[in-house]
Amino acid sequence: MWLCEHGIMPLYTPLGGFWLTMSESIQRILKRRALDGEHPTTPQQIIDWLEETAEGWNADPTPFVWAFTGRFFEERREQGEEKRDKT
C-alpha cells in the first residue's frame, strides 16, 4: 500500500462514539503540553515533541478525570433545541 510505503499509517476513526470525546481531550492535553509557546520549523520537530511529551506523561502519569456528566449533555441538547425554536 502506497501510504504505508511512505511512512503514513492509515487509521479509521469513526466520526462519533462515546470514547471519541475523551480521546480528543487527551490529544488536546498532549498538544498543549508539547507545543504551547513553541515554534517548530519542521514536521519532525512536532512529532518528536509530541512523542517526548507522551513518554514523559507515561513515565509519571496523572489521572485523566472525565468531568462531564449525562446532565451536561442533556443541557447542551436543550440549548440546541431552544436555538432551533427561536429561528
PDB file of N, CA and C in Angstrom:
ATOM      1  N   MET A   1       0.844  -1.176   0.000  1.00  0.00           N
ATOM      2  CA  MET A   1       0.000   0.000   0.000  1.00  0.00           C
ATOM      3  C   MET A   1       0.894   1.247   0.000  1.00  0.00           C
ATOM      4  N   TRP A   2       0.580   2.197  -0.860  1.00  0.00           N
ATOM      5  CA  TRP A   2       1.404   3.388  -1.047  1.00  0.00           C
ATOM      6  C   TRP A   2       1.589   4.155   0.258  1.00  0.00           C
ATOM      7  N   LEU A   3       0.528   4.339   1.012  1.00  0.00           N
ATOM      8  CA  LEU A   3       0.627   5.110   2.258  1.00  0.00           C
ATOM      9  C   LEU A   3       1.652   4.504   3.208  1.00  0.00           C
ATOM     10  N   CYS A   4       1.557   3.218   3.444  1.00  0.00           N
ATOM     11  CA  CYS A   4       2.481   2.542   4.371  1.00  0.00           C
ATOM     12  C   CYS A   4       3.910   2.602   3.853  1.00  0.00           C
ATOM     13  N   GLU A   5       4.083   2.450   2.551  1.00  0.00           N
ATOM     14  CA  GLU A   5       5.424   2.526   1.969  1.00  0.00           C
ATOM     15  C   GLU A   5       6.065   3.893   2.176  1.00  0.00           C
ATOM     16  N   HIS A   6       5.260   4.912   2.362  1.00  0.00           N
ATOM     17  CA  HIS A   6       5.755   6.277   2.550  1.00  0.00           C
ATOM     18  C   HIS A   6       5.649   6.742   4.003  1.00  0.00           C
ATOM     19  N   GLY A   7       5.514   5.784   4.911  1.00  0.00           N
ATOM     20  CA  GLY A   7       5.525   6.109   6.335  1.00  0.00           C
ATOM     21  C   GLY A   7       4.247   6.703   6.880  1.00  0.00           C
ATOM     22  N   ILE A   8       3.149   6.510   6.169  1.00  0.00           N
ATOM     23  CA  ILE A   8       1.863   7.056   6.614  1.00  0.00           C
ATOM     24  C   ILE A   8       0.980   5.888   7.040  1.00  0.00           C
ATOM     25  N   MET A   9       0.518   5.928   8.284  1.00  0.00           N
ATOM     26  CA  MET A   9      -0.328   4.855   8.805  1.00  0.00           C
ATOM     27  C   MET A   9      -1.789   5.269   8.672  1.00  0.00           C
ATOM     28  N   PRO A  10      -2.539   4.618   7.787  1.00  0.00           N
ATOM     29  CA  PRO A  10      -3.963   4.958   7.662  1.00  0.00           C
ATOM     30  C   PRO A  10      -4.741   4.416   8.863  1.00  0.00           C
ATOM     31  N   LEU A  11      -5.561   5.241   9.446  1.00  0.00           N
ATOM     32  CA  LEU A  11      -6.384   4.822  10.572  1.00  0.00           C
ATOM     33  C   LEU A  11      -7.835   5.184  10.284  1.00  0.00           C
ATOM     34  N   TYR A  12      -8.718   4.291  10.609  1.00  0.00           N
ATOM     35  CA  TYR A  12     -10.137   4.587  10.505  1.00  0.00           C
ATOM     36  C   TYR A  12     -10.603   5.090  11.859  1.00  0.00           C
ATOM     37  N   THR A  13     -11.092   6.288  11.877  1.00  0.00           N
ATOM     38  CA  THR A  13     -11.640   6.842  13.109  1.00  0.00           C
ATOM     39  C   THR A  13     -13.095   7.206  12.855  1.00  0.00           C
ATOM     40  N   PRO A  14     -14.018   6.579  13.543  1.00  0.00           N
ATOM     41  CA  PRO A  14     -15.423   6.935  13.365  1.00  0.00           C
ATOM     42  C   PRO A  14     -15.667   8.402  13.716  1.00  0.00           C
ATOM     43  N   LEU A  15     -16.657   8.977  13.095  1.00  0.00           N
ATOM     44  CA  LEU A  15     -16.981  10.374  13.355  1.00  0.00           C
ATOM     45  C   LEU A  15     -17.694  10.567  14.680  1.00  0.00           C
ATOM     46  N   GLY A  16     -18.212   9.517  15.238  1.00  0.00           N
ATOM     47  CA  GLY A  16     -18.900   9.635  16.508  1.00  0.00           C
ATOM     48  C   GLY A  16     -18.683   8.410  17.361  1.00  0.00           C
ATOM     49  N   GLY A  17     -18.791   8.592  18.632  1.00  0.00           N
ATOM     50  CA  GLY A  17     -18.655   7.479  19.557  1.00  0.00           C
ATOM     51  C   GLY A  17     -18.412   8.024  20.951  1.00  0.00           C
ATOM     52  N   PHE A  18     -18.842   7.249  21.947  1.00  0.00           N
ATOM     53  CA  PHE A  18     -18.735   7.728  23.313  1.00  0.00           C
ATOM     54  C   PHE A  18     -17.287   7.949  23.723  1.00  0.00           C
ATOM     55  N   TRP A  19     -16.357   7.216  23.139  1.00  0.00           N
ATOM     56  CA  TRP A  19     -14.946   7.314  23.511  1.00  0.00           C
ATOM     57  C   TRP A  19     -14.239   8.441  22.791  1.00  0.00           C
ATOM     58  N   LEU A  20     -14.845   8.975  21.712  1.00  0.00           N
ATOM     59  CA  LEU A  20     -14.159   9.945  20.867  1.00  0.00           C
ATOM     60  C   LEU A  20     -13.881  11.251  21.609  1.00  0.00           C
ATOM     61  N   THR A  21     -14.823  11.731  22.382  1.00  0.00           N
ATOM     62  CA  THR A  21     -14.625  12.979  23.097  1.00  0.00           C
ATOM     63  C   THR A  21     -13.458  12.867  24.076  1.00  0.00           C
ATOM     64  N   MET A  22     -13.338  11.716  24.741  1.00  0.00           N
ATOM     65  CA  MET A  22     -12.248  11.533  25.683  1.00  0.00           C
ATOM     66  C   MET A  22     -10.904  11.487  24.958  1.00  0.00           C
ATOM     67  N   SER A  23     -10.833  10.802  23.823  1.00  0.00           N
ATOM     68  CA  SER A  23      -9.567  10.724  23.100  1.00  0.00           C
ATOM     69  C   SER A  23      -9.179  12.095  22.564  1.00  0.00           C
ATOM     70  N   GLU A  24     -10.168  12.885  22.142  1.00  0.00           N
ATOM     71  CA  GLU A  24      -9.868  14.241  21.687  1.00  0.00           C
ATOM     72  C   GLU A  24      -9.345  15.084  22.843  1.00  0.00           C
ATOM     73  N   SER A  25      -9.885  14.885  24.024  1.00  0.00           N
ATOM     74  CA  SER A  25      -9.411  15.629  25.195  1.00  0.00           C
ATOM     75  C   SER A  25      -7.961  15.303  25.501  1.00  0.00           C
ATOM     76  N   ILE A  26      -7.616  14.033  25.429  1.00  0.00           N
ATOM     77  CA  ILE A  26      -6.233  13.630  25.688  1.00  0.00           C
ATOM     78  C   ILE A  26      -5.313  14.200  24.624  1.00  0.00           C
ATOM     79  N   GLN A  27      -5.743  14.182  23.367  1.00  0.00           N
ATOM     80  CA  GLN A  27      -4.940  14.767  22.291  1.00  0.00           C
ATOM     81  C   GLN A  27      -4.715  16.261  22.533  1.00  0.00           C
ATOM     82  N   ARG A  28      -5.758  16.952  22.978  1.00  0.00           N
ATOM     83  CA  ARG A  28      -5.634  18.386  23.266  1.00  0.00           C
ATOM     84  C   ARG A  28      -4.613  18.632  24.366  1.00  0.00           C
ATOM     85  N   ILE A  29      -4.643  17.806  25.402  1.00  0.00           N
ATOM     86  CA  ILE A  29      -3.696  17.946  26.516  1.00  0.00           C
ATOM     87  C   ILE A  29      -2.275  17.732  26.016  1.00  0.00           C
ATOM     88  N   LEU A  30      -2.057  16.662  25.249  1.00  0.00           N
ATOM     89  CA  LEU A  30      -0.713  16.395  24.721  1.00  0.00           C
ATOM     90  C   LEU A  30      -0.227  17.537  23.837  1.00  0.00           C
ATOM     91  N   LYS A  31      -1.106  18.020  22.963  1.00  0.00           N
ATOM     92  CA  LYS A  31      -0.715  19.112  22.068  1.00  0.00           C
ATOM     93  C   LYS A  31      -0.343  20.351  22.873  1.00  0.00           C
ATOM     94  N   ARG A  32      -1.153  20.674  23.858  1.00  0.00           N
ATOM     95  CA  ARG A  32      -0.885  21.870  24.666  1.00  0.00           C
ATOM     96  C   ARG A  32       0.435  21.732  25.410  1.00  0.00           C
ATOM     97  N   ARG A  33       0.656  20.566  26.028  1.00  0.00           N
ATOM     98  CA  ARG A  33       1.892  20.370  26.790  1.00  0.00           C
ATOM     99  C   ARG A  33       3.121  20.381  25.885  1.00  0.00           C
ATOM    100  N   ALA A  34       2.990  19.864  24.681  1.00  0.00           N
ATOM    101  CA  ALA A  34       4.146  19.739  23.793  1.00  0.00           C
ATOM    102  C   ALA A  34       4.426  21.002  22.998  1.00  0.00           C
ATOM    103  N   LEU A  35       3.380  21.713  22.593  1.00  0.00           N
ATOM    104  CA  LEU A  35       3.576  22.746  21.581  1.00  0.00           C
ATOM    105  C   LEU A  35       3.276  24.174  22.013  1.00  0.00           C
ATOM    106  N   ASP A  36       2.586  24.384  23.115  1.00  0.00           N
ATOM    107  CA  ASP A  36       2.275  25.755  23.517  1.00  0.00           C
ATOM    108  C   ASP A  36       3.557  26.561  23.721  1.00  0.00           C
ATOM    109  N   GLY A  37       3.628  27.702  23.072  1.00  0.00           N
ATOM    110  CA  GLY A  37       4.776  28.586  23.200  1.00  0.00           C
ATOM    111  C   GLY A  37       5.962  28.189  22.333  1.00  0.00           C
ATOM    112  N   GLU A  38       5.850  27.080  21.621  1.00  0.00           N
ATOM    113  CA  GLU A  38       6.937  26.608  20.768  1.00  0.00           C
ATOM    114  C   GLU A  38       6.699  27.055  19.327  1.00  0.00           C
ATOM    115  N   HIS A  39       7.752  27.062  18.562  1.00  0.00           N
ATOM    116  CA  HIS A  39       7.662  27.442  17.153  1.00  0.00           C
ATOM    117  C   HIS A  39       8.432  26.423  16.324  1.00  0.00           C
ATOM    118  N   PRO A  40       7.824  25.256  16.082  1.00  0.00           N
ATOM    119  CA  PRO A  40       8.524  24.219  15.329  1.00  0.00           C
ATOM    120  C   PRO A  40       8.795  24.675  13.898  1.00  0.00           C
ATOM    121  N   THR A  41       9.898  24.216  13.363  1.00  0.00           N
ATOM    122  CA  THR A  41      10.261  24.584  11.991  1.00  0.00           C
ATOM    123  C   THR A  41      10.140  23.424  11.020  1.00  0.00           C
ATOM    124  N   THR A  42       9.937  22.212  11.560  1.00  0.00           N
ATOM    125  CA  THR A  42       9.769  21.040  10.695  1.00  0.00           C
ATOM    126  C   THR A  42       8.684  20.134  11.274  1.00  0.00           C
ATOM    127  N   PRO A  43       8.064  19.348  10.412  1.00  0.00           N
ATOM    128  CA  PRO A  43       7.099  18.372  10.917  1.00  0.00           C
ATOM    129  C   PRO A  43       7.747  17.385  11.893  1.00  0.00           C
ATOM    130  N   GLN A  44       8.991  17.031  11.656  1.00  0.00           N
ATOM    131  CA  GLN A  44       9.674  16.084  12.532  1.00  0.00           C
ATOM    132  C   GLN A  44       9.807  16.638  13.945  1.00  0.00           C
ATOM    133  N   GLN A  45      10.010  17.952  14.083  1.00  0.00           N
ATOM    134  CA  GLN A  45      10.068  18.556  15.425  1.00  0.00           C
ATOM    135  C   GLN A  45       8.751  18.361  16.147  1.00  0.00           C
ATOM    136  N   ILE A  46       7.652  18.558  15.454  1.00  0.00           N
ATOM    137  CA  ILE A  46       6.330  18.377  16.064  1.00  0.00           C
ATOM    138  C   ILE A  46       6.173  16.933  16.537  1.00  0.00           C
ATOM    139  N   ILE A  47       6.525  15.993  15.665  1.00  0.00           N
ATOM    140  CA  ILE A  47       6.423  14.572  16.013  1.00  0.00           C
ATOM    141  C   ILE A  47       7.279  14.260  17.228  1.00  0.00           C
ATOM    142  N   ASP A  48       8.524  14.735  17.207  1.00  0.00           N
ATOM    143  CA  ASP A  48       9.443  14.464  18.322  1.00  0.00           C
ATOM    144  C   ASP A  48       8.921  15.039  19.631  1.00  0.00           C
ATOM    145  N   TRP A  49       8.424  16.278  19.595  1.00  0.00           N
ATOM    146  CA  TRP A  49       7.936  16.924  20.820  1.00  0.00           C
ATOM    147  C   TRP A  49       6.709  16.199  21.363  1.00  0.00           C
ATOM    148  N   LEU A  50       5.799  15.793  20.478  1.00  0.00           N
ATOM    149  CA  LEU A  50       4.616  15.062  20.927  1.00  0.00           C
ATOM    150  C   LEU A  50       5.007  13.717  21.535  1.00  0.00           C
ATOM    151  N   GLU A  51       5.948  13.005  20.883  1.00  0.00           N
ATOM    152  CA  GLU A  51       6.390  11.717  21.415  1.00  0.00           C
ATOM    153  C   GLU A  51       7.085  11.882  22.764  1.00  0.00           C
ATOM    154  N   GLU A  52       7.937  12.891  22.895  1.00  0.00           N
ATOM    155  CA  GLU A  52       8.626  13.135  24.167  1.00  0.00           C
ATOM    156  C   GLU A  52       7.631  13.465  25.272  1.00  0.00           C
ATOM    157  N   THR A  53       6.627  14.251  24.929  1.00  0.00           N
ATOM    158  CA  THR A  53       5.611  14.615  25.909  1.00  0.00           C
ATOM    159  C   THR A  53       4.830  13.379  26.361  1.00  0.00           C
ATOM    160  N   ALA A  54       4.431  12.536  25.409  1.00  0.00           N
ATOM    161  CA  ALA A  54       3.694  11.316  25.752  1.00  0.00           C
ATOM    162  C   ALA A  54       4.559  10.382  26.596  1.00  0.00           C
ATOM    163  N   GLU A  55       5.836  10.251  26.237  1.00  0.00           N
ATOM    164  CA  GLU A  55       6.736   9.396  27.018  1.00  0.00           C
ATOM    165  C   GLU A  55       6.897   9.924  28.440  1.00  0.00           C
ATOM    166  N   GLY A  56       7.020  11.243  28.583  1.00  0.00           N
ATOM    167  CA  GLY A  56       7.131  11.839  29.917  1.00  0.00           C
ATOM    168  C   GLY A  56       5.879  11.640  30.741  1.00  0.00           C
ATOM    169  N   TRP A  57       4.724  11.783  30.106  1.00  0.00           N
ATOM    170  CA  TRP A  57       3.456  11.600  30.805  1.00  0.00           C
ATOM    171  C   TRP A  57       3.298  10.137  31.214  1.00  0.00           C
ATOM    172  N   ASN A  58       3.701   9.212  30.328  1.00  0.00           N
ATOM    173  CA  ASN A  58       3.617   7.783  30.652  1.00  0.00           C
ATOM    174  C   ASN A  58       4.566   7.405  31.777  1.00  0.00           C
ATOM    175  N   ALA A  59       5.721   8.077  31.851  1.00  0.00           N
ATOM    176  CA  ALA A  59       6.691   7.768  32.909  1.00  0.00           C
ATOM    177  C   ALA A  59       6.177   8.202  34.283  1.00  0.00           C
ATOM    178  N   ASP A  60       5.405   9.280  34.304  1.00  0.00           N
ATOM    179  CA  ASP A  60       4.858   9.796  35.560  1.00  0.00           C
ATOM    180  C   ASP A  60       3.408  10.212  35.303  1.00  0.00           C
ATOM    181  N   PRO A  61       2.522   9.224  35.134  1.00  0.00           N
ATOM    182  CA  PRO A  61       1.159   9.550  34.708  1.00  0.00           C
ATOM    183  C   PRO A  61       0.347  10.285  35.768  1.00  0.00           C
ATOM    184  N   THR A  62      -0.510  11.135  35.264  1.00  0.00           N
ATOM    185  CA  THR A  62      -1.502  11.789  36.107  1.00  0.00           C
ATOM    186  C   THR A  62      -2.859  11.252  35.657  1.00  0.00           C
ATOM    187  N   PRO A  63      -3.790  11.111  36.568  1.00  0.00           N
ATOM    188  CA  PRO A  63      -5.083  10.554  36.175  1.00  0.00           C
ATOM    189  C   PRO A  63      -5.846  11.509  35.268  1.00  0.00           C
ATOM    190  N   PHE A  64      -6.556  10.939  34.322  1.00  0.00           N
ATOM    191  CA  PHE A  64      -7.461  11.717  33.484  1.00  0.00           C
ATOM    192  C   PHE A  64      -8.835  11.598  34.103  1.00  0.00           C
ATOM    193  N   VAL A  65      -9.405  12.713  34.499  1.00  0.00           N
ATOM    194  CA  VAL A  65     -10.705  12.705  35.160  1.00  0.00           C
ATOM    195  C   VAL A  65     -11.750  13.211  34.178  1.00  0.00           C
ATOM    196  N   TRP A  66     -12.703  12.375  33.877  1.00  0.00           N
ATOM    197  CA  TRP A  66     -13.794  12.748  32.984  1.00  0.00           C
ATOM    198  C   TRP A  66     -14.772  13.590  33.779  1.00  0.00           C
ATOM    199  N   ALA A  67     -14.915  14.860  33.403  1.00  0.00           N
ATOM    200  CA  ALA A  67     -15.694  15.801  34.200  1.00  0.00           C
ATOM    201  C   ALA A  67     -17.130  15.964  33.714  1.00  0.00           C
ATOM    202  N   PHE A  68     -17.448  15.422  32.561  1.00  0.00           N
ATOM    203  CA  PHE A  68     -18.782  15.644  32.023  1.00  0.00           C
ATOM    204  C   PHE A  68     -19.733  14.555  32.486  1.00  0.00           C
ATOM    205  N   THR A  69     -20.927  14.968  32.832  1.00  0.00           N
ATOM    206  CA  THR A  69     -21.948  14.018  33.272  1.00  0.00           C
ATOM    207  C   THR A  69     -23.043  13.955  32.224  1.00  0.00           C
ATOM    208  N   GLY A  70     -23.929  13.043  32.399  1.00  0.00           N
ATOM    209  CA  GLY A  70     -25.063  12.949  31.496  1.00  0.00           C
ATOM    210  C   GLY A  70     -25.858  14.238  31.469  1.00  0.00           C
ATOM    211  N   ARG A  71     -25.931  14.909  32.616  1.00  0.00           N
ATOM    212  CA  ARG A  71     -26.682  16.175  32.687  1.00  0.00           C
ATOM    213  C   ARG A  71     -26.066  17.229  31.771  1.00  0.00           C
ATOM    214  N   PHE A  72     -24.736  17.233  31.646  1.00  0.00           N
ATOM    215  CA  PHE A  72     -24.057  18.181  30.756  1.00  0.00           C
ATOM    216  C   PHE A  72     -24.588  18.021  29.336  1.00  0.00           C
ATOM    217  N   PHE A  73     -24.687  16.777  28.863  1.00  0.00           N
ATOM    218  CA  PHE A  73     -25.131  16.539  27.503  1.00  0.00           C
ATOM    219  C   PHE A  73     -26.608  16.871  27.335  1.00  0.00           C
ATOM    220  N   GLU A  74     -27.395  16.610  28.379  1.00  0.00           N
ATOM    221  CA  GLU A  74     -28.808  16.982  28.324  1.00  0.00           C
ATOM    222  C   GLU A  74     -28.965  18.488  28.197  1.00  0.00           C
ATOM    223  N   GLU A  75     -28.177  19.252  28.951  1.00  0.00           N
ATOM    224  CA  GLU A  75     -28.243  20.711  28.889  1.00  0.00           C
ATOM    225  C   GLU A  75     -27.837  21.215  27.506  1.00  0.00           C
ATOM    226  N   ARG A  76     -26.792  20.614  26.938  1.00  0.00           N
ATOM    227  CA  ARG A  76     -26.361  21.019  25.598  1.00  0.00           C
ATOM    228  C   ARG A  76     -27.454  20.759  24.578  1.00  0.00           C
ATOM    229  N   ARG A  77     -28.122  19.607  24.681  1.00  0.00           N
ATOM    230  CA  ARG A  77     -29.186  19.275  23.747  1.00  0.00           C
ATOM    231  C   ARG A  77     -30.342  20.268  23.900  1.00  0.00           C
ATOM    232  N   GLU A  78     -30.684  20.604  25.145  1.00  0.00           N
ATOM    233  CA  GLU A  78     -31.766  21.552  25.394  1.00  0.00           C
ATOM    234  C   GLU A  78     -31.422  22.928  24.826  1.00  0.00           C
ATOM    235  N   GLN A  79     -30.174  23.348  24.979  1.00  0.00           N
ATOM    236  CA  GLN A  79     -29.748  24.638  24.423  1.00  0.00           C
ATOM    237  C   GLN A  79     -29.900  24.646  22.910  1.00  0.00           C
ATOM    238  N   GLY A  80     -29.532  23.535  22.271  1.00  0.00           N
ATOM    239  CA  GLY A  80     -29.672  23.435  20.816  1.00  0.00           C
ATOM    240  C   GLY A  80     -31.125  23.496  20.397  1.00  0.00           C
ATOM    241  N   GLU A  81     -31.999  22.833  21.156  1.00  0.00           N
ATOM    242  CA  GLU A  81     -33.429  22.853  20.848  1.00  0.00           C
ATOM    243  C   GLU A  81     -33.985  24.264  21.000  1.00  0.00           C
ATOM    244  N   GLU A  82     -33.538  24.984  22.028  1.00  0.00           N
ATOM    245  CA  GLU A  82     -34.011  26.358  22.233  1.00  0.00           C
ATOM    246  C   GLU A  82     -33.584  27.252  21.087  1.00  0.00           C
ATOM    247  N   LYS A  83     -32.377  27.081  20.610  1.00  0.00           N
ATOM    248  CA  LYS A  83     -31.886  27.878  19.477  1.00  0.00           C
ATOM    249  C   LYS A  83     -32.714  27.592  18.235  1.00  0.00           C
ATOM    250  N   ARG A  84     -33.014  26.311  17.988  1.00  0.00           N
ATOM    251  CA  ARG A  84     -33.812  25.952  16.812  1.00  0.00           C
ATOM    252  C   ARG A  84     -35.208  26.528  16.918  1.00  0.00           C
ATOM    253  N   ASP A  85     -35.780  26.536  18.131  1.00  0.00           N
ATOM    254  CA  ASP A  85     -37.129  27.064  18.320  1.00  0.00           C
ATOM    255  C   ASP A  85     -37.195  28.560  18.035  1.00  0.00           C
ATOM    256  N   LYS A  86     -36.105  29.283  18.295  1.00  0.00           N
ATOM    257  CA  LYS A  86     -36.080  30.729  18.086  1.00  0.00           C
ATOM    258  C   LYS A  86     -36.010  31.099  16.612  1.00  0.00           C
ATOM    259  N   THR A  87     -35.514  30.200  15.786  1.00  0.00           N
ATOM    260  CA  THR A  87     -35.379  30.517  14.353  1.00  0.00           C
ATOM    261  C   THR A  87     -36.600  30.167  13.573  1.00  0.00           C
TER     262      THR A  87
END
